[in-house]
Amino acid sequence: MLSRVGDRRIQQEQLDVSKRLELEPEKQGKPLREGLMGFRSLRAVGQRYRILYALDTASLIVHVVAAGLRRAGARDDVYALAQKLVRLGLVPSAGTRRPKARKLPRKKK
């Protein structure tokens, strides 16, 4: 997806922003809802571009799912493309995240 961006400066800025995911990716970006629940979105290059990613906390891996322009309503909107990739099963599931541990109530003796 980065190669489709014609401007090399924009490509480089997106790569630089994605490097921030190496340190504390769970604190970067914002969590997404609805069709992309479990994924996160990180703004890049003047707020117009987005980097969508999923965290696999079990293996400490960040899966970058999509990167591109945010164009609400357009067919080439990065969110629309990411939803299509999820529907087709071409990206790792965001459901690989480990749920938080819950304490079970103790039984009375």
C-alpha atoms as a PDB file:
ATOM      1  CA  MET A   1       0.000   0.000   0.000  1.00  0.00           C
ATOM      2  CA  LEU A   2       2.901   2.338   0.657  1.00  0.00           C
ATOM      3  CA  SER A   3       4.237   1.800  -2.840  1.00  0.00           C
ATOM      4  CA  ARG A   4       0.936   3.167  -4.251  1.00  0.00           C
ATOM      5  CA  VAL A   5       1.736   6.542  -2.666  1.00  0.00           C
ATOM      6  CA  GLY A   6       3.621   8.456  -5.332  1.00  0.00           C
ATOM      7  CA  ASP A   7       5.381  10.964  -3.080  1.00  0.00           C
ATOM      8  CA  ARG A   8       8.503   9.491  -1.447  1.00  0.00           C
ATOM      9  CA  ARG A   9       8.376  12.058   1.372  1.00  0.00           C
ATOM     10  CA  ILE A  10       4.918  10.839   2.352  1.00  0.00           C
ATOM     11  CA  GLN A  11       6.122   7.226   2.173  1.00  0.00           C
ATOM     12  CA  GLN A  12       9.045   8.064   4.447  1.00  0.00           C
ATOM     13  CA  GLU A  13       6.846   9.935   6.933  1.00  0.00           C
ATOM     14  CA  GLN A  14       4.492   6.963   7.137  1.00  0.00           C
ATOM     15  CA  LEU A  15       7.432   4.657   7.792  1.00  0.00           C
ATOM     16  CA  ASP A  16       8.731   7.008  10.488  1.00  0.00           C
ATOM     17  CA  VAL A  17       5.345   7.106  12.209  1.00  0.00           C
ATOM     18  CA  SER A  18       5.027   3.318  12.019  1.00  0.00           C
ATOM     19  CA  LYS A  19       8.400   3.007  13.803  1.00  0.00           C
ATOM     20  CA  ARG A  20       6.667   4.479  16.874  1.00  0.00           C
ATOM     21  CA  LEU A  21       4.792   1.190  17.144  1.00  0.00           C
ATOM     22  CA  GLU A  22       7.996  -0.496  18.312  1.00  0.00           C
ATOM     23  CA  LEU A  23       7.613   1.203  21.689  1.00  0.00           C
ATOM     24  CA  GLU A  24       4.321   0.815  23.545  1.00  0.00           C
ATOM     25  CA  PRO A  25       2.001   0.138  20.580  1.00  0.00           C
ATOM     26  CA  GLU A  26      -0.997  -0.187  22.907  1.00  0.00           C
ATOM     27  CA  LYS A  27      -0.606   3.498  23.802  1.00  0.00           C
ATOM     28  CA  GLN A  28      -0.349   4.645  20.171  1.00  0.00           C
ATOM     29  CA  GLY A  29      -3.358   5.443  18.042  1.00  0.00           C
ATOM     30  CA  LYS A  30      -6.954   4.870  18.997  1.00  0.00           C
ATOM     31  CA  PRO A  31      -9.037   1.703  19.168  1.00  0.00           C
ATOM     32  CA  LEU A  32     -11.482   1.156  16.326  1.00  0.00           C
ATOM     33  CA  ARG A  33     -15.106   0.017  16.528  1.00  0.00           C
ATOM     34  CA  GLU A  34     -17.710  -1.849  14.513  1.00  0.00           C
ATOM     35  CA  GLY A  35     -16.252  -3.735  11.510  1.00  0.00           C
ATOM     36  CA  LEU A  36     -12.674  -3.150  12.654  1.00  0.00           C
ATOM     37  CA  MET A  37     -13.086  -3.809  16.367  1.00  0.00           C
ATOM     38  CA  GLY A  38      -9.821  -4.986  17.894  1.00  0.00           C
ATOM     39  CA  PHE A  39      -7.709  -2.934  15.500  1.00  0.00           C
ATOM     40  CA  ARG A  40      -6.136   0.454  16.188  1.00  0.00           C
ATOM     41  CA  SER A  41      -5.642   3.545  14.002  1.00  0.00           C
ATOM     42  CA  LEU A  42      -2.606   5.818  14.058  1.00  0.00           C
ATOM     43  CA  ARG A  43      -2.634   9.196  12.301  1.00  0.00           C
ATOM     44  CA  ALA A  44       0.254  10.106  10.033  1.00  0.00           C
ATOM     45  CA  VAL A  45       1.381  12.777   7.555  1.00  0.00           C
ATOM     46  CA  GLY A  46      -0.665  15.829   8.441  1.00  0.00           C
ATOM     47  CA  GLN A  47      -3.574  13.819   9.851  1.00  0.00           C
ATOM     48  CA  ARG A  48      -4.749  12.711   6.371  1.00  0.00           C
ATOM     49  CA  TYR A  49      -3.120   9.295   6.322  1.00  0.00           C
ATOM     50  CA  ARG A  50      -3.836   6.408   8.684  1.00  0.00           C
ATOM     51  CA  ILE A  51      -1.908   3.332   9.710  1.00  0.00           C
ATOM     52  CA  LEU A  52      -4.207   0.523  10.879  1.00  0.00           C
ATOM     53  CA  TYR A  53      -2.739  -2.230  13.014  1.00  0.00           C
ATOM     54  CA  ALA A  54      -3.559  -5.075  15.380  1.00  0.00           C
ATOM     55  CA  LEU A  55      -1.686  -6.195  18.468  1.00  0.00           C
ATOM     56  CA  ASP A  56      -0.929  -9.799  19.295  1.00  0.00           C
ATOM     57  CA  THR A  57      -0.098  -9.489  22.972  1.00  0.00           C
ATOM     58  CA  ALA A  58       0.636 -13.197  23.355  1.00  0.00           C
ATOM     59  CA  SER A  59       3.626 -13.050  21.009  1.00  0.00           C
ATOM     60  CA  LEU A  60       4.298  -9.280  21.241  1.00  0.00           C
ATOM     61  CA  ILE A  61       3.785  -8.733  17.515  1.00  0.00           C
ATOM     62  CA  VAL A  62       2.273  -5.686  15.810  1.00  0.00           C
ATOM     63  CA  HIS A  63       0.476  -6.516  12.547  1.00  0.00           C
ATOM     64  CA  VAL A  64       0.211  -3.488  10.264  1.00  0.00           C
ATOM     65  CA  VAL A  65      -2.969  -4.179   8.319  1.00  0.00           C
ATOM     66  CA  ALA A  66      -3.305  -1.126   6.096  1.00  0.00           C
ATOM     67  CA  ALA A  67      -1.819   2.289   5.438  1.00  0.00           C
ATOM     68  CA  GLY A  68      -3.299   4.992   3.285  1.00  0.00           C
ATOM     69  CA  LEU A  69      -5.462   8.056   2.864  1.00  0.00           C
ATOM     70  CA  ARG A  70      -8.518   8.681   4.991  1.00  0.00           C
ATOM     71  CA  ARG A  71     -11.250   9.587   2.499  1.00  0.00           C
ATOM     72  CA  ALA A  72     -14.649   9.035   4.092  1.00  0.00           C
ATOM     73  CA  GLY A  73     -17.124   7.568   1.622  1.00  0.00           C
ATOM     74  CA  ALA A  74     -14.536   6.875  -1.081  1.00  0.00           C
ATOM     75  CA  ARG A  75     -13.888   3.361  -2.365  1.00  0.00           C
ATOM     76  CA  ASP A  76     -10.169   3.732  -1.716  1.00  0.00           C
ATOM     77  CA  ASP A  77     -10.616   4.910   1.902  1.00  0.00           C
ATOM     78  CA  VAL A  78      -8.112   3.084   4.102  1.00  0.00           C
ATOM     79  CA  TYR A  79     -10.851   1.947   6.510  1.00  0.00           C
ATOM     80  CA  ALA A  80     -12.960   0.523   3.660  1.00  0.00           C
ATOM     81  CA  LEU A  81      -9.930  -1.315   2.287  1.00  0.00           C
ATOM     82  CA  ALA A  82      -9.075  -2.730   5.720  1.00  0.00           C
ATOM     83  CA  GLN A  83     -12.646  -3.966   6.201  1.00  0.00           C
ATOM     84  CA  LYS A  84     -12.470  -5.706   2.839  1.00  0.00           C
ATOM     85  CA  LEU A  85      -9.181  -7.381   3.814  1.00  0.00           C
ATOM     86  CA  VAL A  86     -10.742  -8.576   7.079  1.00  0.00           C
ATOM     87  CA  ARG A  87     -13.836  -9.933   5.291  1.00  0.00           C
ATOM     88  CA  LEU A  88     -11.633 -11.837   2.834  1.00  0.00           C
ATOM     89  CA  GLY A  89      -9.501 -13.245   5.660  1.00  0.00           C
ATOM     90  CA  LEU A  90      -6.304 -11.723   4.256  1.00  0.00           C
ATOM     91  CA  VAL A  91      -5.162 -10.094   7.497  1.00  0.00           C
ATOM     92  CA  PRO A  92      -4.457 -11.575  10.926  1.00  0.00           C
ATOM     93  CA  SER A  93      -7.515 -11.545  13.118  1.00  0.00           C
ATOM     94  CA  ALA A  94      -7.626  -8.856  15.769  1.00  0.00           C
ATOM     95  CA  GLY A  95      -9.179 -11.477  18.050  1.00  0.00           C
ATOM     96  CA  THR A  96      -5.737 -12.902  18.842  1.00  0.00           C
ATOM     97  CA  ARG A  97      -5.452 -10.550  21.772  1.00  0.00           C
ATOM     98  CA  ARG A  98      -5.289 -12.201  25.132  1.00  0.00           C
ATOM     99  CA  PRO A  99      -8.268 -11.329  27.373  1.00  0.00           C
ATOM    100  CA  LYS A 100      -7.636  -9.765  30.746  1.00  0.00           C
ATOM    101  CA  ALA A 101      -7.507 -12.214  33.611  1.00  0.00           C
ATOM    102  CA  ARG A 102     -10.598 -12.257  35.799  1.00  0.00           C
ATOM    103  CA  LYS A 103     -10.790 -13.373  39.359  1.00  0.00           C
ATOM    104  CA  LEU A 104     -13.400 -16.013  39.989  1.00  0.00           C
ATOM    105  CA  PRO A 105     -15.428 -15.807  43.180  1.00  0.00           C
ATOM    106  CA  ARG A 106     -14.317 -18.186  45.912  1.00  0.00           C
ATOM    107  CA  LYS A 107     -16.619 -20.921  47.011  1.00  0.00           C
ATOM    108  CA  LYS A 108     -17.681 -20.846  50.650  1.00  0.00           C
ATOM    109  CA  LYS A 109     -16.684 -23.881  52.683  1.00  0.00           C
END
